[in-house]
Amino acid sequence: MCYSVNTSILSYSIGMISAIVCLYNRQYIIGMIILCYCQVQLGEALIWRGIDTDNEQINRLGTLYIKYTLPAHLLAVGLGVWLTNGDYKTMIAGLIFYLAVVGYYKYSESENSKNTSFPDNRECMKRECQNNDNRLKWPFPDAWYMIQTAILFIVLFLYLSRVNAIVSCSFFTITYVLSRLMYKWTASSMWCFMSAFLAPILVFATKL
């Protein structure tokens, strides 16, 4: 994840440009993946804006945007598959997975949850504390994301060339491992940031 409004907007912009380039080049599957996961950076920009202005509504909006965008990755890939060859089965599977995660949210979370996000170090939330070592922690469970990622990898090997599937899976695996090593408790958010910020590498590598 990012650690300020500016870094969030920067990574979001890089991710969106990369997604648009992919879609323009008819790399629909990769393009839809990038388009979906870089939305997390937009959500985090809203969260940081809410923190900076002490506006809980903006914070909550950003948190909910991330919360309900994360489980849509498989649905986005399914849309990419459909745009590529007209096969809609993956898109339906993605929709089922999405609804299952939303149900899991409702089952696992307290009704009193405010769905607001804050930095790892809540003792200091001022701008001077917005640095690489004080990143956001999401208030909702995201362990299920590994299941979605595993399914996503299978889909990539089914519908991309073998080389592009290996490149894509390696990209996401390496960025996740690095995120986990650097920021254990905020790895998911950091992973989204790195994947968006480094998206041009993925676009270039899968275009070769």
C-alpha atoms as a PDB file:
ATOM      1  CA  MET A   1       0.000   0.000   0.000  1.00  0.00           C
ATOM      2  CA  CYS A   2       0.993   3.590  -0.166  1.00  0.00           C
ATOM      3  CA  TYR A   3       1.685   5.887   2.747  1.00  0.00           C
ATOM      4  CA  SER A   4       0.088   9.138   1.585  1.00  0.00           C
ATOM      5  CA  VAL A   5      -2.446  10.569  -0.848  1.00  0.00           C
ATOM      6  CA  ASN A   6       0.295  11.488  -3.321  1.00  0.00           C
ATOM      7  CA  THR A   7       1.977   8.066  -3.427  1.00  0.00           C
ATOM      8  CA  SER A   8      -1.423   6.394  -3.773  1.00  0.00           C
ATOM      9  CA  ILE A   9      -2.402   8.610  -6.712  1.00  0.00           C
ATOM     10  CA  LEU A  10       0.995   8.049  -8.339  1.00  0.00           C
ATOM     11  CA  SER A  11       0.773   4.256  -8.191  1.00  0.00           C
ATOM     12  CA  TYR A  12      -2.896   4.352  -9.252  1.00  0.00           C
ATOM     13  CA  SER A  13      -2.028   6.475 -12.293  1.00  0.00           C
ATOM     14  CA  ILE A  14       0.818   4.162 -13.306  1.00  0.00           C
ATOM     15  CA  GLY A  15      -1.435   1.138 -12.922  1.00  0.00           C
ATOM     16  CA  MET A  16      -4.283   2.678 -14.917  1.00  0.00           C
ATOM     17  CA  ILE A  17      -2.011   3.751 -17.769  1.00  0.00           C
ATOM     18  CA  SER A  18      -0.543   0.242 -17.857  1.00  0.00           C
ATOM     19  CA  ALA A  19      -4.032  -1.284 -17.945  1.00  0.00           C
ATOM     20  CA  ILE A  20      -5.130   1.018 -20.774  1.00  0.00           C
ATOM     21  CA  VAL A  21      -2.022   0.127 -22.793  1.00  0.00           C
ATOM     22  CA  CYS A  22      -2.762  -3.573 -22.264  1.00  0.00           C
ATOM     23  CA  LEU A  23      -6.376  -3.237 -23.343  1.00  0.00           C
ATOM     24  CA  TYR A  24      -5.369  -1.155 -26.371  1.00  0.00           C
ATOM     25  CA  ASN A  25      -2.942  -3.922 -27.374  1.00  0.00           C
ATOM     26  CA  ARG A  26      -5.704  -6.523 -26.902  1.00  0.00           C
ATOM     27  CA  GLN A  27      -3.973  -8.045 -23.881  1.00  0.00           C
ATOM     28  CA  TYR A  28      -7.395  -8.220 -22.276  1.00  0.00           C
ATOM     29  CA  ILE A  29      -6.678 -10.701 -19.495  1.00  0.00           C
ATOM     30  CA  ILE A  30      -3.578  -8.944 -18.146  1.00  0.00           C
ATOM     31  CA  GLY A  31      -5.190  -5.559 -18.706  1.00  0.00           C
ATOM     32  CA  MET A  32      -8.276  -6.440 -16.670  1.00  0.00           C
ATOM     33  CA  ILE A  33      -6.151  -7.814 -13.811  1.00  0.00           C
ATOM     34  CA  ILE A  34      -4.138  -4.596 -13.597  1.00  0.00           C
ATOM     35  CA  LEU A  35      -7.263  -2.450 -13.992  1.00  0.00           C
ATOM     36  CA  CYS A  36      -8.890  -4.236 -11.069  1.00  0.00           C
ATOM     37  CA  TYR A  37      -6.051  -4.413  -8.558  1.00  0.00           C
ATOM     38  CA  CYS A  38      -4.870  -0.839  -9.075  1.00  0.00           C
ATOM     39  CA  GLN A  39      -8.273   0.296  -7.782  1.00  0.00           C
ATOM     40  CA  VAL A  40      -6.895  -0.493  -4.332  1.00  0.00           C
ATOM     41  CA  GLN A  41      -4.594   2.496  -4.735  1.00  0.00           C
ATOM     42  CA  LEU A  42      -7.560   4.752  -5.454  1.00  0.00           C
ATOM     43  CA  GLY A  43      -9.232   3.433  -2.310  1.00  0.00           C
ATOM     44  CA  GLU A  44      -6.116   4.102  -0.268  1.00  0.00           C
ATOM     45  CA  ALA A  45      -5.897   7.632  -1.642  1.00  0.00           C
ATOM     46  CA  LEU A  46      -9.408   8.203  -0.289  1.00  0.00           C
ATOM     47  CA  ILE A  47      -8.441   6.677   3.060  1.00  0.00           C
ATOM     48  CA  TRP A  48      -5.408   8.935   3.423  1.00  0.00           C
ATOM     49  CA  ARG A  49      -7.486  11.925   2.413  1.00  0.00           C
ATOM     50  CA  GLY A  50      -9.961  11.004   5.125  1.00  0.00           C
ATOM     51  CA  ILE A  51      -7.147  10.692   7.661  1.00  0.00           C
ATOM     52  CA  ASP A  52      -5.566  14.004   6.640  1.00  0.00           C
ATOM     53  CA  THR A  53      -8.870  15.861   6.921  1.00  0.00           C
ATOM     54  CA  ASP A  54     -10.193  13.872   9.890  1.00  0.00           C
ATOM     55  CA  ASN A  55     -13.172  12.875   7.758  1.00  0.00           C
ATOM     56  CA  GLU A  56     -14.447   9.433   8.732  1.00  0.00           C
ATOM     57  CA  GLN A  57     -16.898   9.306   5.812  1.00  0.00           C
ATOM     58  CA  ILE A  58     -14.124   9.594   3.203  1.00  0.00           C
ATOM     59  CA  ASN A  59     -12.024   7.053   5.115  1.00  0.00           C
ATOM     60  CA  ARG A  60     -14.962   4.659   5.205  1.00  0.00           C
ATOM     61  CA  LEU A  61     -15.678   5.176   1.496  1.00  0.00           C
ATOM     62  CA  GLY A  62     -12.081   4.292   0.603  1.00  0.00           C
ATOM     63  CA  THR A  63     -12.052   1.271   2.910  1.00  0.00           C
ATOM     64  CA  LEU A  64     -15.314  -0.097   1.515  1.00  0.00           C
ATOM     65  CA  TYR A  65     -14.103   0.521  -2.042  1.00  0.00           C
ATOM     66  CA  ILE A  66     -11.055  -1.667  -1.360  1.00  0.00           C
ATOM     67  CA  LYS A  67     -13.055  -4.218   0.593  1.00  0.00           C
ATOM     68  CA  TYR A  68     -15.450  -4.897  -2.257  1.00  0.00           C
ATOM     69  CA  THR A  69     -12.955  -4.463  -5.105  1.00  0.00           C
ATOM     70  CA  LEU A  70     -10.483  -7.083  -3.852  1.00  0.00           C
ATOM     71  CA  PRO A  71     -12.794 -10.077  -4.415  1.00  0.00           C
ATOM     72  CA  ALA A  72     -13.568  -8.873  -7.940  1.00  0.00           C
ATOM     73  CA  HIS A  73     -10.180  -9.854  -9.378  1.00  0.00           C
ATOM     74  CA  LEU A  74     -11.350 -13.241 -10.630  1.00  0.00           C
ATOM     75  CA  LEU A  75     -14.456 -11.617 -12.093  1.00  0.00           C
ATOM     76  CA  ALA A  76     -12.226  -9.103 -13.891  1.00  0.00           C
ATOM     77  CA  VAL A  77     -10.073 -11.903 -15.289  1.00  0.00           C
ATOM     78  CA  GLY A  78     -13.224 -13.663 -16.437  1.00  0.00           C
ATOM     79  CA  LEU A  79     -14.234 -10.518 -18.303  1.00  0.00           C
ATOM     80  CA  GLY A  80     -10.780 -10.478 -19.891  1.00  0.00           C
ATOM     81  CA  VAL A  81     -11.218 -14.096 -20.999  1.00  0.00           C
ATOM     82  CA  TRP A  82     -14.634 -13.274 -22.448  1.00  0.00           C
ATOM     83  CA  LEU A  83     -13.200 -10.319 -24.377  1.00  0.00           C
ATOM     84  CA  THR A  84     -10.426 -12.585 -25.665  1.00  0.00           C
ATOM     85  CA  ASN A  85     -12.382 -15.588 -26.895  1.00  0.00           C
ATOM     86  CA  GLY A  86     -16.030 -15.220 -25.893  1.00  0.00           C
ATOM     87  CA  ASP A  87     -15.830 -17.840 -23.116  1.00  0.00           C
ATOM     88  CA  TYR A  88     -17.968 -16.640 -20.209  1.00  0.00           C
ATOM     89  CA  LYS A  89     -17.524 -19.578 -17.767  1.00  0.00           C
ATOM     90  CA  THR A  90     -14.651 -17.926 -15.893  1.00  0.00           C
ATOM     91  CA  MET A  91     -16.694 -14.755 -15.533  1.00  0.00           C
ATOM     92  CA  ILE A  92     -19.553 -16.720 -13.956  1.00  0.00           C
ATOM     93  CA  ALA A  93     -17.099 -18.487 -11.632  1.00  0.00           C
ATOM     94  CA  GLY A  94     -15.698 -15.087 -10.687  1.00  0.00           C
ATOM     95  CA  LEU A  95     -19.166 -13.798  -9.866  1.00  0.00           C
ATOM     96  CA  ILE A  96     -19.863 -16.834  -7.662  1.00  0.00           C
ATOM     97  CA  PHE A  97     -16.544 -16.332  -5.867  1.00  0.00           C
ATOM     98  CA  TYR A  98     -17.313 -12.648  -5.370  1.00  0.00           C
ATOM     99  CA  LEU A  99     -20.678 -13.373  -3.785  1.00  0.00           C
ATOM    100  CA  ALA A 100     -19.086 -16.032  -1.572  1.00  0.00           C
ATOM    101  CA  VAL A 101     -16.518 -13.553  -0.239  1.00  0.00           C
ATOM    102  CA  VAL A 102     -19.187 -10.929   0.408  1.00  0.00           C
ATOM    103  CA  GLY A 103     -21.086 -13.574   2.361  1.00  0.00           C
ATOM    104  CA  TYR A 104     -17.913 -14.396   4.273  1.00  0.00           C
ATOM    105  CA  TYR A 105     -17.517 -10.728   5.154  1.00  0.00           C
ATOM    106  CA  LYS A 106     -21.020 -10.631   6.581  1.00  0.00           C
ATOM    107  CA  TYR A 107     -20.466 -13.821   8.566  1.00  0.00           C
ATOM    108  CA  SER A 108     -17.030 -13.016   9.986  1.00  0.00           C
ATOM    109  CA  GLU A 109     -17.316  -9.336  10.847  1.00  0.00           C
ATOM    110  CA  SER A 110     -18.956  -7.595  13.751  1.00  0.00           C
ATOM    111  CA  GLU A 111     -22.033  -5.543  12.999  1.00  0.00           C
ATOM    112  CA  ASN A 112     -20.324  -2.704  14.884  1.00  0.00           C
ATOM    113  CA  SER A 113     -17.369  -2.599  12.521  1.00  0.00           C
ATOM    114  CA  LYS A 114     -16.805   0.954  11.274  1.00  0.00           C
ATOM    115  CA  ASN A 115     -14.897  -0.196   8.186  1.00  0.00           C
ATOM    116  CA  THR A 116     -12.305   2.534   8.525  1.00  0.00           C
ATOM    117  CA  SER A 117      -8.564   2.097   8.000  1.00  0.00           C
ATOM    118  CA  PHE A 118      -5.627   3.615   9.850  1.00  0.00           C
ATOM    119  CA  PRO A 119      -1.818   3.485   9.761  1.00  0.00           C
ATOM    120  CA  ASP A 120      -0.014   0.658  11.499  1.00  0.00           C
ATOM    121  CA  ASN A 121       1.200   3.179  14.102  1.00  0.00           C
ATOM    122  CA  ARG A 122      -1.993   4.860  15.254  1.00  0.00           C
ATOM    123  CA  GLU A 123      -0.132   6.925  17.834  1.00  0.00           C
ATOM    124  CA  CYS A 124       0.930   9.273  15.059  1.00  0.00           C
ATOM    125  CA  MET A 125      -1.261   9.904  12.025  1.00  0.00           C
ATOM    126  CA  LYS A 126       0.027  13.356  11.109  1.00  0.00           C
ATOM    127  CA  ARG A 127       1.646  14.050   7.763  1.00  0.00           C
ATOM    128  CA  GLU A 128       5.144  13.812   9.232  1.00  0.00           C
ATOM    129  CA  CYS A 129       4.352  10.197  10.142  1.00  0.00           C
ATOM    130  CA  GLN A 130       3.312   9.327   6.596  1.00  0.00           C
ATOM    131  CA  ASN A 131       6.407   7.458   5.577  1.00  0.00           C
ATOM    132  CA  ASN A 132       7.424   4.104   4.182  1.00  0.00           C
ATOM    133  CA  ASP A 133       7.390   2.509   7.645  1.00  0.00           C
ATOM    134  CA  ASN A 134       3.861   3.515   8.628  1.00  0.00           C
ATOM    135  CA  ARG A 135       1.406   1.962   6.205  1.00  0.00           C
ATOM    136  CA  LEU A 136      -2.314   1.309   6.372  1.00  0.00           C
ATOM    137  CA  LYS A 137      -3.901  -1.736   7.978  1.00  0.00           C
ATOM    138  CA  TRP A 138      -7.247  -2.837   6.575  1.00  0.00           C
ATOM    139  CA  PRO A 139      -9.968  -3.655   9.133  1.00  0.00           C
ATOM    140  CA  PHE A 140     -11.411  -6.605   7.202  1.00  0.00           C
ATOM    141  CA  PRO A 141     -10.186 -10.206   6.692  1.00  0.00           C
ATOM    142  CA  ASP A 142      -8.262 -10.886   3.493  1.00  0.00           C
ATOM    143  CA  ALA A 143      -6.805 -14.381   4.002  1.00  0.00           C
ATOM    144  CA  TRP A 144      -9.240 -15.631   1.338  1.00  0.00           C
ATOM    145  CA  TYR A 145      -7.257 -13.625  -1.238  1.00  0.00           C
ATOM    146  CA  MET A 146      -4.732 -16.468  -1.500  1.00  0.00           C
ATOM    147  CA  ILE A 147      -7.525 -18.751  -2.717  1.00  0.00           C
ATOM    148  CA  GLN A 148      -8.499 -16.215  -5.358  1.00  0.00           C
ATOM    149  CA  THR A 149      -4.871 -15.850  -6.422  1.00  0.00           C
ATOM    150  CA  ALA A 150      -4.432 -19.621  -6.783  1.00  0.00           C
ATOM    151  CA  ILE A 151      -7.531 -19.806  -9.002  1.00  0.00           C
ATOM    152  CA  LEU A 152      -6.315 -16.781 -10.950  1.00  0.00           C
ATOM    153  CA  PHE A 153      -2.966 -18.494 -11.635  1.00  0.00           C
ATOM    154  CA  ILE A 154      -4.784 -21.563 -12.972  1.00  0.00           C
ATOM    155  CA  VAL A 155      -6.858 -19.359 -15.285  1.00  0.00           C
ATOM    156  CA  LEU A 156      -3.716 -17.636 -16.558  1.00  0.00           C
ATOM    157  CA  PHE A 157      -2.163 -20.973 -17.514  1.00  0.00           C
ATOM    158  CA  LEU A 158      -5.388 -22.013 -19.236  1.00  0.00           C
ATOM    159  CA  TYR A 159      -5.858 -18.896 -21.352  1.00  0.00           C
ATOM    160  CA  LEU A 160      -2.444 -17.260 -21.789  1.00  0.00           C
ATOM    161  CA  SER A 161       0.572 -18.586 -23.606  1.00  0.00           C
ATOM    162  CA  ARG A 162       2.797 -20.652 -21.348  1.00  0.00           C
ATOM    163  CA  VAL A 163       5.515 -18.001 -21.346  1.00  0.00           C
ATOM    164  CA  ASN A 164       3.138 -15.157 -20.478  1.00  0.00           C
ATOM    165  CA  ALA A 165       1.476 -17.250 -17.775  1.00  0.00           C
ATOM    166  CA  ILE A 166       4.852 -17.994 -16.177  1.00  0.00           C
ATOM    167  CA  VAL A 167       5.899 -14.343 -16.422  1.00  0.00           C
ATOM    168  CA  SER A 168       2.621 -13.115 -14.904  1.00  0.00           C
ATOM    169  CA  CYS A 169       2.554 -15.635 -12.056  1.00  0.00           C
ATOM    170  CA  SER A 170       6.217 -14.976 -11.293  1.00  0.00           C
ATOM    171  CA  PHE A 171       5.560 -11.231 -11.209  1.00  0.00           C
ATOM    172  CA  PHE A 172       2.729 -11.537  -8.688  1.00  0.00           C
ATOM    173  CA  THR A 173       4.574 -14.128  -6.587  1.00  0.00           C
ATOM    174  CA  ILE A 174       7.800 -12.134  -6.370  1.00  0.00           C
ATOM    175  CA  THR A 175       6.035  -8.884  -5.507  1.00  0.00           C
ATOM    176  CA  TYR A 176       4.009 -10.658  -2.807  1.00  0.00           C
ATOM    177  CA  VAL A 177       7.056 -12.332  -1.247  1.00  0.00           C
ATOM    178  CA  LEU A 178       8.921  -9.021  -1.185  1.00  0.00           C
ATOM    179  CA  SER A 179       5.892  -7.305   0.368  1.00  0.00           C
ATOM    180  CA  ARG A 180       5.614 -10.013   3.004  1.00  0.00           C
ATOM    181  CA  LEU A 181       9.296  -9.768   3.876  1.00  0.00           C
ATOM    182  CA  MET A 182       9.195  -5.986   4.164  1.00  0.00           C
ATOM    183  CA  TYR A 183       5.816  -5.447   5.831  1.00  0.00           C
ATOM    184  CA  LYS A 184       4.468  -8.552   7.537  1.00  0.00           C
ATOM    185  CA  TRP A 185       1.287  -7.026   8.937  1.00  0.00           C
ATOM    186  CA  THR A 186       0.419  -4.857   5.955  1.00  0.00           C
ATOM    187  CA  ALA A 187       1.632  -7.179   3.195  1.00  0.00           C
ATOM    188  CA  SER A 188      -1.646  -7.269   1.260  1.00  0.00           C
ATOM    189  CA  SER A 189      -1.773  -3.522   0.848  1.00  0.00           C
ATOM    190  CA  MET A 190       1.932  -3.281   0.054  1.00  0.00           C
ATOM    191  CA  TRP A 191       1.498  -6.018  -2.543  1.00  0.00           C
ATOM    192  CA  CYS A 192      -1.196  -4.041  -4.335  1.00  0.00           C
ATOM    193  CA  PHE A 193       1.040  -0.965  -4.321  1.00  0.00           C
ATOM    194  CA  MET A 194       4.048  -2.800  -5.759  1.00  0.00           C
ATOM    195  CA  SER A 195       1.948  -4.589  -8.376  1.00  0.00           C
ATOM    196  CA  ALA A 196       0.438  -1.285  -9.530  1.00  0.00           C
ATOM    197  CA  PHE A 197       3.685   0.690  -9.371  1.00  0.00           C
ATOM    198  CA  LEU A 198       5.598  -1.997 -11.285  1.00  0.00           C
ATOM    199  CA  ALA A 199       2.771  -2.795 -13.716  1.00  0.00           C
ATOM    200  CA  PRO A 200       4.671  -1.386 -16.745  1.00  0.00           C
ATOM    201  CA  ILE A 201       7.207  -4.196 -16.293  1.00  0.00           C
ATOM    202  CA  LEU A 202       4.440  -6.793 -16.532  1.00  0.00           C
ATOM    203  CA  VAL A 203       2.931  -5.097 -19.585  1.00  0.00           C
ATOM    204  CA  PHE A 204       6.284  -4.979 -21.365  1.00  0.00           C
ATOM    205  CA  ALA A 205       7.274  -8.541 -20.435  1.00  0.00           C
ATOM    206  CA  THR A 206       4.012 -10.105 -21.632  1.00  0.00           C
ATOM    207  CA  LYS A 207       4.092  -8.127 -24.879  1.00  0.00           C
ATOM    208  CA  LEU A 208       7.442  -9.540 -25.969  1.00  0.00           C
END
